[in-house]
Amino acid sequence: MSRQTATSKLAALVERCRADPSAIPGVRAAGDALAIEIEGELAFAWRVIVVRAAIAAPPDSDAVRELYGEIVDRYRDDPKKLAELRPLGDEIRKLEREGTLASVLVARSDRRSRH
């Protein structure tokens, strides 16, 4: 698949799932694969949409923290992206304090390469 085609497909998924987060489970695998293929702003947007959808309708007790941890790991060396993610983390912590979202501890290993 060409980069242009992959970008167009992911853009369509982002638009569709922004409008209807309930569509994410049916297209998640395809969206994740496209995000890995093209990266950039559109891939970031996809990943944030996936986390937001999980916050709105958590599939299980640790899914939100796991997804949030993964996105933070992926962008840990990008201060701009981390700053954009901070409000999402704040929202998760707020919902946990309110009891709306399960509060869990997800153990994650350091995935940075050691040169």
PDB file of N, CA and C in Angstrom:
ATOM      1  N   MET A   1       0.849  -1.169   0.000  1.00  0.00           N
ATOM      2  CA  MET A   1       0.000   0.000   0.000  1.00  0.00           C
ATOM      3  C   MET A   1       0.899   1.239   0.000  1.00  0.00           C
ATOM      4  N   SER A   2       0.578   2.201  -0.828  1.00  0.00           N
ATOM      5  CA  SER A   2       1.384   3.418  -0.884  1.00  0.00           C
ATOM      6  C   SER A   2       1.158   4.251   0.376  1.00  0.00           C
ATOM      7  N   ARG A   3       2.108   5.091   0.674  1.00  0.00           N
ATOM      8  CA  ARG A   3       1.996   5.972   1.841  1.00  0.00           C
ATOM      9  C   ARG A   3       0.770   6.867   1.715  1.00  0.00           C
ATOM     10  N   GLN A   4       0.522   7.344   0.505  1.00  0.00           N
ATOM     11  CA  GLN A   4      -0.632   8.219   0.278  1.00  0.00           C
ATOM     12  C   GLN A   4      -1.943   7.473   0.554  1.00  0.00           C
ATOM     13  N   THR A   5      -2.027   6.231   0.103  1.00  0.00           N
ATOM     14  CA  THR A   5      -3.227   5.430   0.340  1.00  0.00           C
ATOM     15  C   THR A   5      -3.400   5.161   1.830  1.00  0.00           C
ATOM     16  N   ALA A   6      -2.307   4.795   2.504  1.00  0.00           N
ATOM     17  CA  ALA A   6      -2.365   4.531   3.942  1.00  0.00           C
ATOM     18  C   ALA A   6      -2.797   5.783   4.703  1.00  0.00           C
ATOM     19  N   THR A   7      -2.257   6.927   4.310  1.00  0.00           N
ATOM     20  CA  THR A   7      -2.617   8.187   4.954  1.00  0.00           C
ATOM     21  C   THR A   7      -4.094   8.495   4.749  1.00  0.00           C
ATOM     22  N   SER A   8      -4.576   8.306   3.531  1.00  0.00           N
ATOM     23  CA  SER A   8      -5.994   8.551   3.238  1.00  0.00           C
ATOM     24  C   SER A   8      -6.896   7.632   4.050  1.00  0.00           C
ATOM     25  N   LYS A   9      -6.511   6.362   4.145  1.00  0.00           N
ATOM     26  CA  LYS A   9      -7.320   5.398   4.911  1.00  0.00           C
ATOM     27  C   LYS A   9      -7.349   5.762   6.394  1.00  0.00           C
ATOM     28  N   LEU A  10      -6.185   6.114   6.942  1.00  0.00           N
ATOM     29  CA  LEU A  10      -6.158   6.471   8.359  1.00  0.00           C
ATOM     30  C   LEU A  10      -6.922   7.771   8.602  1.00  0.00           C
ATOM     31  N   ALA A  11      -6.797   8.728   7.704  1.00  0.00           N
ATOM     32  CA  ALA A  11      -7.545   9.981   7.846  1.00  0.00           C
ATOM     33  C   ALA A  11      -9.045   9.706   7.876  1.00  0.00           C
ATOM     34  N   ALA A  12      -9.501   8.798   7.029  1.00  0.00           N
ATOM     35  CA  ALA A  12     -10.924   8.446   7.006  1.00  0.00           C
ATOM     36  C   ALA A  12     -11.337   7.778   8.319  1.00  0.00           C
ATOM     37  N   LEU A  13     -10.482   6.901   8.846  1.00  0.00           N
ATOM     38  CA  LEU A  13     -10.794   6.246  10.125  1.00  0.00           C
ATOM     39  C   LEU A  13     -10.827   7.254  11.272  1.00  0.00           C
ATOM     40  N   VAL A  14      -9.876   8.176  11.279  1.00  0.00           N
ATOM     41  CA  VAL A  14      -9.843   9.203  12.326  1.00  0.00           C
ATOM     42  C   VAL A  14     -11.125  10.023  12.278  1.00  0.00           C
ATOM     43  N   GLU A  15     -11.513  10.456  11.099  1.00  0.00           N
ATOM     44  CA  GLU A  15     -12.729  11.258  10.947  1.00  0.00           C
ATOM     45  C   GLU A  15     -13.959  10.462  11.391  1.00  0.00           C
ATOM     46  N   ARG A  16     -14.053   9.230  10.932  1.00  0.00           N
ATOM     47  CA  ARG A  16     -15.202   8.380  11.269  1.00  0.00           C
ATOM     48  C   ARG A  16     -15.287   8.128  12.780  1.00  0.00           C
ATOM     49  N   CYS A  17     -14.152   7.808  13.382  1.00  0.00           N
ATOM     50  CA  CYS A  17     -14.159   7.443  14.799  1.00  0.00           C
ATOM     51  C   CYS A  17     -14.248   8.656  15.720  1.00  0.00           C
ATOM     52  N   ARG A  18     -13.823   9.811  15.250  1.00  0.00           N
ATOM     53  CA  ARG A  18     -14.040  11.040  16.015  1.00  0.00           C
ATOM     54  C   ARG A  18     -15.539  11.293  16.130  1.00  0.00           C
ATOM     55  N   ALA A  19     -16.237  11.070  15.025  1.00  0.00           N
ATOM     56  CA  ALA A  19     -17.687  11.282  14.992  1.00  0.00           C
ATOM     57  C   ALA A  19     -18.444  10.171  15.715  1.00  0.00           C
ATOM     58  N   ASP A  20     -17.905   8.948  15.675  1.00  0.00           N
ATOM     59  CA  ASP A  20     -18.592   7.790  16.253  1.00  0.00           C
ATOM     60  C   ASP A  20     -17.584   6.854  16.921  1.00  0.00           C
ATOM     61  N   PRO A  21     -17.207   7.161  18.165  1.00  0.00           N
ATOM     62  CA  PRO A  21     -16.222   6.321  18.853  1.00  0.00           C
ATOM     63  C   PRO A  21     -16.631   4.854  18.980  1.00  0.00           C
ATOM     64  N   SER A  22     -17.910   4.569  18.900  1.00  0.00           N
ATOM     65  CA  SER A  22     -18.345   3.171  19.003  1.00  0.00           C
ATOM     66  C   SER A  22     -17.885   2.347  17.803  1.00  0.00           C
ATOM     67  N   ALA A  23     -17.412   3.010  16.750  1.00  0.00           N
ATOM     68  CA  ALA A  23     -16.906   2.304  15.566  1.00  0.00           C
ATOM     69  C   ALA A  23     -15.488   1.768  15.781  1.00  0.00           C
ATOM     70  N   ILE A  24     -14.800   2.250  16.795  1.00  0.00           N
ATOM     71  CA  ILE A  24     -13.388   1.896  16.994  1.00  0.00           C
ATOM     72  C   ILE A  24     -13.142   0.395  17.124  1.00  0.00           C
ATOM     73  N   PRO A  25     -13.893  -0.338  17.933  1.00  0.00           N
ATOM     74  CA  PRO A  25     -13.576  -1.774  18.056  1.00  0.00           C
ATOM     75  C   PRO A  25     -13.549  -2.512  16.715  1.00  0.00           C
ATOM     76  N   GLY A  26     -14.397  -2.133  15.794  1.00  0.00           N
ATOM     77  CA  GLY A  26     -14.444  -2.808  14.502  1.00  0.00           C
ATOM     78  C   GLY A  26     -13.311  -2.456  13.561  1.00  0.00           C
ATOM     79  N   VAL A  27     -12.644  -1.325  13.812  1.00  0.00           N
ATOM     80  CA  VAL A  27     -11.581  -0.876  12.906  1.00  0.00           C
ATOM     81  C   VAL A  27     -10.244  -0.689  13.622  1.00  0.00           C
ATOM     82  N   ARG A  28     -10.199  -1.048  14.883  1.00  0.00           N
ATOM     83  CA  ARG A  28      -9.004  -0.787  15.697  1.00  0.00           C
ATOM     84  C   ARG A  28      -7.741  -1.418  15.119  1.00  0.00           C
ATOM     85  N   ALA A  29      -7.811  -2.684  14.749  1.00  0.00           N
ATOM     86  CA  ALA A  29      -6.608  -3.361  14.235  1.00  0.00           C
ATOM     87  C   ALA A  29      -6.098  -2.670  12.977  1.00  0.00           C
ATOM     88  N   ALA A  30      -7.004  -2.329  12.082  1.00  0.00           N
ATOM     89  CA  ALA A  30      -6.607  -1.649  10.842  1.00  0.00           C
ATOM     90  C   ALA A  30      -6.034  -0.271  11.149  1.00  0.00           C
ATOM     91  N   GLY A  31      -6.689   0.468  12.043  1.00  0.00           N
ATOM     92  CA  GLY A  31      -6.204   1.797  12.412  1.00  0.00           C
ATOM     93  C   GLY A  31      -4.839   1.748  13.071  1.00  0.00           C
ATOM     94  N   ASP A  32      -4.644   0.789  13.971  1.00  0.00           N
ATOM     95  CA  ASP A  32      -3.341   0.650  14.633  1.00  0.00           C
ATOM     96  C   ASP A  32      -2.240   0.327  13.623  1.00  0.00           C
ATOM     97  N   ALA A  33      -2.526  -0.568  12.691  1.00  0.00           N
ATOM     98  CA  ALA A  33      -1.531  -0.938  11.672  1.00  0.00           C
ATOM     99  C   ALA A  33      -1.187   0.260  10.789  1.00  0.00           C
ATOM    100  N   LEU A  34      -2.193   1.017  10.395  1.00  0.00           N
ATOM    101  CA  LEU A  34      -1.948   2.206   9.569  1.00  0.00           C
ATOM    102  C   LEU A  34      -1.154   3.250  10.351  1.00  0.00           C
ATOM    103  N   ALA A  35      -1.467   3.425  11.625  1.00  0.00           N
ATOM    104  CA  ALA A  35      -0.746   4.394  12.451  1.00  0.00           C
ATOM    105  C   ALA A  35       0.732   4.027  12.560  1.00  0.00           C
ATOM    106  N   ILE A  36       1.021   2.742  12.695  1.00  0.00           N
ATOM    107  CA  ILE A  36       2.417   2.293  12.747  1.00  0.00           C
ATOM    108  C   ILE A  36       3.102   2.553  11.408  1.00  0.00           C
ATOM    109  N   GLU A  37       2.374   2.329  10.333  1.00  0.00           N
ATOM    110  CA  GLU A  37       2.951   2.498   8.993  1.00  0.00           C
ATOM    111  C   GLU A  37       3.284   3.949   8.683  1.00  0.00           C
ATOM    112  N   ILE A  38       2.383   4.877   9.021  1.00  0.00           N
ATOM    113  CA  ILE A  38       2.608   6.262   8.590  1.00  0.00           C
ATOM    114  C   ILE A  38       3.168   7.178   9.677  1.00  0.00           C
ATOM    115  N   GLU A  39       2.896   6.870  10.958  1.00  0.00           N
ATOM    116  CA  GLU A  39       3.327   7.703  12.086  1.00  0.00           C
ATOM    117  C   GLU A  39       2.871   9.160  11.895  1.00  0.00           C
ATOM    118  N   GLY A  40       3.553  10.115  12.475  1.00  0.00           N
ATOM    119  CA  GLY A  40       3.221  11.525  12.324  1.00  0.00           C
ATOM    120  C   GLY A  40       1.977  11.950  13.101  1.00  0.00           C
ATOM    121  N   GLU A  41       1.496  13.146  12.770  1.00  0.00           N
ATOM    122  CA  GLU A  41       0.363  13.753  13.470  1.00  0.00           C
ATOM    123  C   GLU A  41      -0.909  12.925  13.365  1.00  0.00           C
ATOM    124  N   LEU A  42      -1.151  12.357  12.203  1.00  0.00           N
ATOM    125  CA  LEU A  42      -2.366  11.573  12.003  1.00  0.00           C
ATOM    126  C   LEU A  42      -2.356  10.318  12.874  1.00  0.00           C
ATOM    127  N   ALA A  43      -1.220   9.673  12.986  1.00  0.00           N
ATOM    128  CA  ALA A  43      -1.099   8.491  13.847  1.00  0.00           C
ATOM    129  C   ALA A  43      -1.309   8.885  15.311  1.00  0.00           C
ATOM    130  N   PHE A  44      -0.766  10.025  15.695  1.00  0.00           N
ATOM    131  CA  PHE A  44      -0.966  10.523  17.058  1.00  0.00           C
ATOM    132  C   PHE A  44      -2.449  10.764  17.312  1.00  0.00           C
ATOM    133  N   ALA A  45      -3.114  11.401  16.356  1.00  0.00           N
ATOM    134  CA  ALA A  45      -4.555  11.658  16.488  1.00  0.00           C
ATOM    135  C   ALA A  45      -5.325  10.356  16.654  1.00  0.00           C
ATOM    136  N   TRP A  46      -4.972   9.335  15.863  1.00  0.00           N
ATOM    137  CA  TRP A  46      -5.633   8.031  15.976  1.00  0.00           C
ATOM    138  C   TRP A  46      -5.466   7.465  17.389  1.00  0.00           C
ATOM    139  N   ARG A  47      -4.252   7.487  17.881  1.00  0.00           N
ATOM    140  CA  ARG A  47      -3.978   6.899  19.198  1.00  0.00           C
ATOM    141  C   ARG A  47      -4.723   7.634  20.313  1.00  0.00           C
ATOM    142  N   VAL A  48      -4.812   8.948  20.210  1.00  0.00           N
ATOM    143  CA  VAL A  48      -5.554   9.726  21.209  1.00  0.00           C
ATOM    144  C   VAL A  48      -7.042   9.387  21.145  1.00  0.00           C
ATOM    145  N   ILE A  49      -7.578   9.248  19.945  1.00  0.00           N
ATOM    146  CA  ILE A  49      -8.989   8.882  19.787  1.00  0.00           C
ATOM    147  C   ILE A  49      -9.262   7.527  20.425  1.00  0.00           C
ATOM    148  N   VAL A  50      -8.356   6.590  20.246  1.00  0.00           N
ATOM    149  CA  VAL A  50      -8.520   5.254  20.841  1.00  0.00           C
ATOM    150  C   VAL A  50      -8.543   5.357  22.368  1.00  0.00           C
ATOM    151  N   VAL A  51      -7.642   6.148  22.949  1.00  0.00           N
ATOM    152  CA  VAL A  51      -7.621   6.309  24.406  1.00  0.00           C
ATOM    153  C   VAL A  51      -8.904   6.986  24.880  1.00  0.00           C
ATOM    154  N   ARG A  52      -9.322   8.035  24.192  1.00  0.00           N
ATOM    155  CA  ARG A  52     -10.555   8.739  24.583  1.00  0.00           C
ATOM    156  C   ARG A  52     -11.773   7.814  24.528  1.00  0.00           C
ATOM    157  N   ALA A  53     -11.827   6.969  23.513  1.00  0.00           N
ATOM    158  CA  ALA A  53     -12.946   6.023  23.403  1.00  0.00           C
ATOM    159  C   ALA A  53     -12.918   5.032  24.562  1.00  0.00           C
ATOM    160  N   ALA A  54     -11.727   4.608  24.959  1.00  0.00           N
ATOM    161  CA  ALA A  54     -11.612   3.682  26.091  1.00  0.00           C
ATOM    162  C   ALA A  54     -12.037   4.359  27.391  1.00  0.00           C
ATOM    163  N   ILE A  55     -11.733   5.640  27.527  1.00  0.00           N
ATOM    164  CA  ILE A  55     -12.163   6.383  28.713  1.00  0.00           C
ATOM    165  C   ILE A  55     -13.689   6.432  28.760  1.00  0.00           C
ATOM    166  N   ALA A  56     -14.299   6.677  27.613  1.00  0.00           N
ATOM    167  CA  ALA A  56     -15.761   6.789  27.541  1.00  0.00           C
ATOM    168  C   ALA A  56     -16.461   5.459  27.802  1.00  0.00           C
ATOM    169  N   ALA A  57     -15.850   4.370  27.360  1.00  0.00           N
ATOM    170  CA  ALA A  57     -16.457   3.039  27.517  1.00  0.00           C
ATOM    171  C   ALA A  57     -15.354   2.015  27.748  1.00  0.00           C
ATOM    172  N   PRO A  58     -14.808   1.960  28.970  1.00  0.00           N
ATOM    173  CA  PRO A  58     -13.685   1.057  29.239  1.00  0.00           C
ATOM    174  C   PRO A  58     -14.048  -0.410  29.003  1.00  0.00           C
ATOM    175  N   PRO A  59     -13.268  -1.098  28.161  1.00  0.00           N
ATOM    176  CA  PRO A  59     -13.553  -2.505  27.904  1.00  0.00           C
ATOM    177  C   PRO A  59     -13.236  -3.406  29.105  1.00  0.00           C
ATOM    178  N   ASP A  60     -12.299  -2.976  29.960  1.00  0.00           N
ATOM    179  CA  ASP A  60     -11.998  -3.694  31.199  1.00  0.00           C
ATOM    180  C   ASP A  60     -11.315  -2.726  32.154  1.00  0.00           C
ATOM    181  N   SER A  61     -11.030  -3.178  33.357  1.00  0.00           N
ATOM    182  CA  SER A  61     -10.568  -2.277  34.409  1.00  0.00           C
ATOM    183  C   SER A  61      -9.199  -1.649  34.165  1.00  0.00           C
ATOM    184  N   ASP A  62      -8.332  -2.292  33.400  1.00  0.00           N
ATOM    185  CA  ASP A  62      -7.002  -1.709  33.198  1.00  0.00           C
ATOM    186  C   ASP A  62      -6.757  -1.201  31.781  1.00  0.00           C
ATOM    187  N   ALA A  63      -7.743  -1.264  30.911  1.00  0.00           N
ATOM    188  CA  ALA A  63      -7.559  -0.882  29.507  1.00  0.00           C
ATOM    189  C   ALA A  63      -7.141   0.576  29.338  1.00  0.00           C
ATOM    190  N   VAL A  64      -7.775   1.473  30.075  1.00  0.00           N
ATOM    191  CA  VAL A  64      -7.473   2.900  29.910  1.00  0.00           C
ATOM    192  C   VAL A  64      -6.040   3.195  30.327  1.00  0.00           C
ATOM    193  N   ARG A  65      -5.646   2.718  31.494  1.00  0.00           N
ATOM    194  CA  ARG A  65      -4.275   2.947  31.957  1.00  0.00           C
ATOM    195  C   ARG A  65      -3.257   2.294  31.027  1.00  0.00           C
ATOM    196  N   GLU A  66      -3.570   1.112  30.534  1.00  0.00           N
ATOM    197  CA  GLU A  66      -2.663   0.418  29.616  1.00  0.00           C
ATOM    198  C   GLU A  66      -2.490   1.225  28.329  1.00  0.00           C
ATOM    199  N   LEU A  67      -3.591   1.674  27.748  1.00  0.00           N
ATOM    200  CA  LEU A  67      -3.522   2.462  26.511  1.00  0.00           C
ATOM    201  C   LEU A  67      -2.790   3.783  26.741  1.00  0.00           C
ATOM    202  N   TYR A  68      -3.099   4.439  27.856  1.00  0.00           N
ATOM    203  CA  TYR A  68      -2.436   5.699  28.159  1.00  0.00           C
ATOM    204  C   TYR A  68      -0.934   5.474  28.370  1.00  0.00           C
ATOM    205  N   GLY A  69      -0.579   4.422  29.086  1.00  0.00           N
ATOM    206  CA  GLY A  69       0.833   4.102  29.289  1.00  0.00           C
ATOM    207  C   GLY A  69       1.557   3.841  27.980  1.00  0.00           C
ATOM    208  N   GLU A  70       0.896   3.145  27.069  1.00  0.00           N
ATOM    209  CA  GLU A  70       1.504   2.857  25.763  1.00  0.00           C
ATOM    210  C   GLU A  70       1.747   4.131  24.970  1.00  0.00           C
ATOM    211  N   ILE A  71       0.772   5.040  24.966  1.00  0.00           N
ATOM    212  CA  ILE A  71       0.939   6.263  24.175  1.00  0.00           C
ATOM    213  C   ILE A  71       2.019   7.156  24.797  1.00  0.00           C
ATOM    214  N   VAL A  72       2.082   7.195  26.118  1.00  0.00           N
ATOM    215  CA  VAL A  72       3.140   7.974  26.775  1.00  0.00           C
ATOM    216  C   VAL A  72       4.507   7.359  26.469  1.00  0.00           C
ATOM    217  N   ASP A  73       4.612   6.036  26.514  1.00  0.00           N
ATOM    218  CA  ASP A  73       5.876   5.374  26.160  1.00  0.00           C
ATOM    219  C   ASP A  73       6.296   5.713  24.735  1.00  0.00           C
ATOM    220  N   ARG A  74       5.347   5.659  23.830  1.00  0.00           N
ATOM    221  CA  ARG A  74       5.647   5.897  22.413  1.00  0.00           C
ATOM    222  C   ARG A  74       6.180   7.311  22.185  1.00  0.00           C
ATOM    223  N   TYR A  75       5.640   8.282  22.904  1.00  0.00           N
ATOM    224  CA  TYR A  75       6.003   9.682  22.661  1.00  0.00           C
ATOM    225  C   TYR A  75       6.866  10.272  23.778  1.00  0.00           C
ATOM    226  N   ARG A  76       7.476   9.436  24.589  1.00  0.00           N
ATOM    227  CA  ARG A  76       8.231   9.919  25.747  1.00  0.00           C
ATOM    228  C   ARG A  76       9.384  10.854  25.376  1.00  0.00           C
ATOM    229  N   ASP A  77       9.919  10.755  24.175  1.00  0.00           N
ATOM    230  CA  ASP A  77      11.028  11.623  23.770  1.00  0.00           C
ATOM    231  C   ASP A  77      10.562  12.830  22.957  1.00  0.00           C
ATOM    232  N   ASP A  78       9.262  13.084  22.957  1.00  0.00           N
ATOM    233  CA  ASP A  78       8.684  14.194  22.205  1.00  0.00           C
ATOM    234  C   ASP A  78       7.947  15.118  23.186  1.00  0.00           C
ATOM    235  N   PRO A  79       8.628  16.152  23.684  1.00  0.00           N
ATOM    236  CA  PRO A  79       8.020  17.028  24.689  1.00  0.00           C
ATOM    237  C   PRO A  79       6.694  17.653  24.243  1.00  0.00           C
ATOM    238  N   LYS A  80       6.579  17.980  22.971  1.00  0.00           N
ATOM    239  CA  LYS A  80       5.340  18.585  22.467  1.00  0.00           C
ATOM    240  C   LYS A  80       4.173  17.603  22.590  1.00  0.00           C
ATOM    241  N   LYS A  81       4.397  16.370  22.199  1.00  0.00           N
ATOM    242  CA  LYS A  81       3.339  15.351  22.277  1.00  0.00           C
ATOM    243  C   LYS A  81       3.000  15.049  23.742  1.00  0.00           C
ATOM    244  N   LEU A  82       4.018  14.967  24.585  1.00  0.00           N
ATOM    245  CA  LEU A  82       3.754  14.717  26.004  1.00  0.00           C
ATOM    246  C   LEU A  82       2.915  15.837  26.607  1.00  0.00           C
ATOM    247  N   ALA A  83       3.196  17.073  26.199  1.00  0.00           N
ATOM    248  CA  ALA A  83       2.391  18.198  26.684  1.00  0.00           C
ATOM    249  C   ALA A  83       0.941  18.069  26.214  1.00  0.00           C
ATOM    250  N   GLU A  84       0.747  17.578  24.994  1.00  0.00           N
ATOM    251  CA  GLU A  84      -0.608  17.376  24.482  1.00  0.00           C
ATOM    252  C   GLU A  84      -1.311  16.235  25.214  1.00  0.00           C
ATOM    253  N   LEU A  85      -0.546  15.259  25.693  1.00  0.00           N
ATOM    254  CA  LEU A  85      -1.123  14.114  26.403  1.00  0.00           C
ATOM    255  C   LEU A  85      -1.438  14.423  27.866  1.00  0.00           C
ATOM    256  N   ARG A  86      -0.777  15.412  28.424  1.00  0.00           N
ATOM    257  CA  ARG A  86      -0.946  15.713  29.852  1.00  0.00           C
ATOM    258  C   ARG A  86      -2.413  15.916  30.244  1.00  0.00           C
ATOM    259  N   PRO A  87      -3.211  16.690  29.498  1.00  0.00           N
ATOM    260  CA  PRO A  87      -4.625  16.843  29.880  1.00  0.00           C
ATOM    261  C   PRO A  87      -5.394  15.520  29.863  1.00  0.00           C
ATOM    262  N   LEU A  88      -5.003  14.621  28.990  1.00  0.00           N
ATOM    263  CA  LEU A  88      -5.636  13.302  28.938  1.00  0.00           C
ATOM    264  C   LEU A  88      -5.327  12.526  30.222  1.00  0.00           C
ATOM    265  N   GLY A  89      -4.087  12.569  30.662  1.00  0.00           N
ATOM    266  CA  GLY A  89      -3.713  11.933  31.925  1.00  0.00           C
ATOM    267  C   GLY A  89      -4.431  12.571  33.103  1.00  0.00           C
ATOM    268  N   ASP A  90      -4.557  13.911  33.065  1.00  0.00           N
ATOM    269  CA  ASP A  90      -5.289  14.613  34.126  1.00  0.00           C
ATOM    270  C   ASP A  90      -6.745  14.162  34.165  1.00  0.00           C
ATOM    271  N   GLU A  91      -7.345  14.007  32.999  1.00  0.00           N
ATOM    272  CA  GLU A  91      -8.733  13.555  32.917  1.00  0.00           C
ATOM    273  C   GLU A  91      -8.880  12.142  33.495  1.00  0.00           C
ATOM    274  N   ILE A  92      -7.941  11.263  33.167  1.00  0.00           N
ATOM    275  CA  ILE A  92      -7.978   9.892  33.688  1.00  0.00           C
ATOM    276  C   ILE A  92      -7.887   9.907  35.212  1.00  0.00           C
ATOM    277  N   ARG A  93      -6.942  10.667  35.750  1.00  0.00           N
ATOM    278  CA  ARG A  93      -6.780  10.733  37.208  1.00  0.00           C
ATOM    279  C   ARG A  93      -8.030  11.307  37.880  1.00  0.00           C
ATOM    280  N   LYS A  94      -8.638  12.312  37.271  1.00  0.00           N
ATOM    281  CA  LYS A  94      -9.869  12.905  37.811  1.00  0.00           C
ATOM    282  C   LYS A  94     -10.985  11.864  37.861  1.00  0.00           C
ATOM    283  N   LEU A  95     -11.159  11.123  36.783  1.00  0.00           N
ATOM    284  CA  LEU A  95     -12.205  10.101  36.737  1.00  0.00           C
ATOM    285  C   LEU A  95     -11.930   8.975  37.733  1.00  0.00           C
ATOM    286  N   GLU A  96     -10.662   8.662  37.937  1.00  0.00           N
ATOM    287  CA  GLU A  96     -10.307   7.653  38.941  1.00  0.00           C
ATOM    288  C   GLU A  96     -10.662   8.146  40.345  1.00  0.00           C
ATOM    289  N   ARG A  97     -10.334   9.406  40.637  1.00  0.00           N
ATOM    290  CA  ARG A  97     -10.658   9.978  41.955  1.00  0.00           C
ATOM    291  C   ARG A  97     -12.162   9.983  42.202  1.00  0.00           C
ATOM    292  N   GLU A  98     -12.922  10.287  41.144  1.00  0.00           N
ATOM    293  CA  GLU A  98     -14.382  10.333  41.260  1.00  0.00           C
ATOM    294  C   GLU A  98     -14.998   8.943  41.348  1.00  0.00           C
ATOM    295  N   GLY A  99     -14.211   7.917  41.020  1.00  0.00           N
ATOM    296  CA  GLY A  99     -14.735   6.559  41.033  1.00  0.00           C
ATOM    297  C   GLY A  99     -15.445   6.170  39.751  1.00  0.00           C
ATOM    298  N   THR A 100     -15.432   7.058  38.761  1.00  0.00           N
ATOM    299  CA  THR A 100     -16.062   6.786  37.470  1.00  0.00           C
ATOM    300  C   THR A 100     -15.241   5.796  36.659  1.00  0.00           C
ATOM    301  N   LEU A 101     -13.946   5.830  36.864  1.00  0.00           N
ATOM    302  CA  LEU A 101     -13.014   4.966  36.149  1.00  0.00           C
ATOM    303  C   LEU A 101     -12.219   4.175  37.181  1.00  0.00           C
ATOM    304  N   ALA A 102     -12.052   2.894  36.936  1.00  0.00           N
ATOM    305  CA  ALA A 102     -11.302   2.055  37.875  1.00  0.00           C
ATOM    306  C   ALA A 102      -9.876   2.568  38.007  1.00  0.00           C
ATOM    307  N   SER A 103      -9.392   2.595  39.220  1.00  0.00           N
ATOM    308  CA  SER A 103      -8.022   3.010  39.480  1.00  0.00           C
ATOM    309  C   SER A 103      -7.161   1.758  39.569  1.00  0.00           C
ATOM    310  N   VAL A 104      -6.232   1.632  38.642  1.00  0.00           N
ATOM    311  CA  VAL A 104      -5.371   0.453  38.612  1.00  0.00           C
ATOM    312  C   VAL A 104      -3.929   0.878  38.425  1.00  0.00           C
ATOM    313  N   LEU A 105      -3.048   0.000  38.793  1.00  0.00           N
ATOM    314  CA  LEU A 105      -1.624   0.214  38.570  1.00  0.00           C
ATOM    315  C   LEU A 105      -1.196  -0.746  37.482  1.00  0.00           C
ATOM    316  N   VAL A 106      -0.660  -0.195  36.410  1.00  0.00           N
ATOM    317  CA  VAL A 106      -0.180  -1.026  35.307  1.00  0.00           C
ATOM    318  C   VAL A 106       1.339  -0.993  35.344  1.00  0.00           C
ATOM    319  N   ALA A 107       1.946  -2.135  35.552  1.00  0.00           N
ATOM    320  CA  ALA A 107       3.408  -2.226  35.573  1.00  0.00           C
ATOM    321  C   ALA A 107       3.919  -2.275  34.141  1.00  0.00           C
ATOM    322  N   ARG A 108       4.820  -1.367  33.819  1.00  0.00           N
ATOM    323  CA  ARG A 108       5.352  -1.299  32.465  1.00  0.00           C
ATOM    324  C   ARG A 108       6.865  -1.324  32.543  1.00  0.00           C
ATOM    325  N   SER A 109       7.475  -1.973  31.595  1.00  0.00           N
ATOM    326  CA  SER A 109       8.932  -1.990  31.543  1.00  0.00           C
ATOM    327  C   SER A 109       9.416  -0.787  30.749  1.00  0.00           C
ATOM    328  N   ASP A 110      10.661  -0.423  30.938  1.00  0.00           N
ATOM    329  CA  ASP A 110      11.268   0.660  30.179  1.00  0.00           C
ATOM    330  C   ASP A 110      11.535   0.143  28.775  1.00  0.00           C
ATOM    331  N   ARG A 111      10.870   0.710  27.791  1.00  0.00           N
ATOM    332  CA  ARG A 111      10.980   0.207  26.421  1.00  0.00           C
ATOM    333  C   ARG A 111      11.944   1.011  25.560  1.00  0.00           C
ATOM    334  N   ARG A 112      12.609   1.955  26.170  1.00  0.00           N
ATOM    335  CA  ARG A 112      13.573   2.736  25.398  1.00  0.00           C
ATOM    336  C   ARG A 112      14.778   1.875  25.080  1.00  0.00           C
ATOM    337  N   SER A 113      15.320   2.076  23.897  1.00  0.00           N
ATOM    338  CA  SER A 113      16.519   1.315  23.542  1.00  0.00           C
ATOM    339  C   SER A 113      17.698   1.863  24.331  1.00  0.00           C
ATOM    340  N   ARG A 114      18.555   0.990  24.696  1.00  0.00           N
ATOM    341  CA  ARG A 114      19.737   1.390  25.470  1.00  0.00           C
ATOM    342  C   ARG A 114      20.947   1.304  24.555  1.00  0.00           C
ATOM    343  N   HIS A 115      21.418   2.451  24.133  1.00  0.00           N
ATOM    344  CA  HIS A 115      22.540   2.512  23.190  1.00  0.00           C
ATOM    345  C   HIS A 115      23.839   2.546  23.908  1.00  0.00           C
TER     346      HIS A 115
END
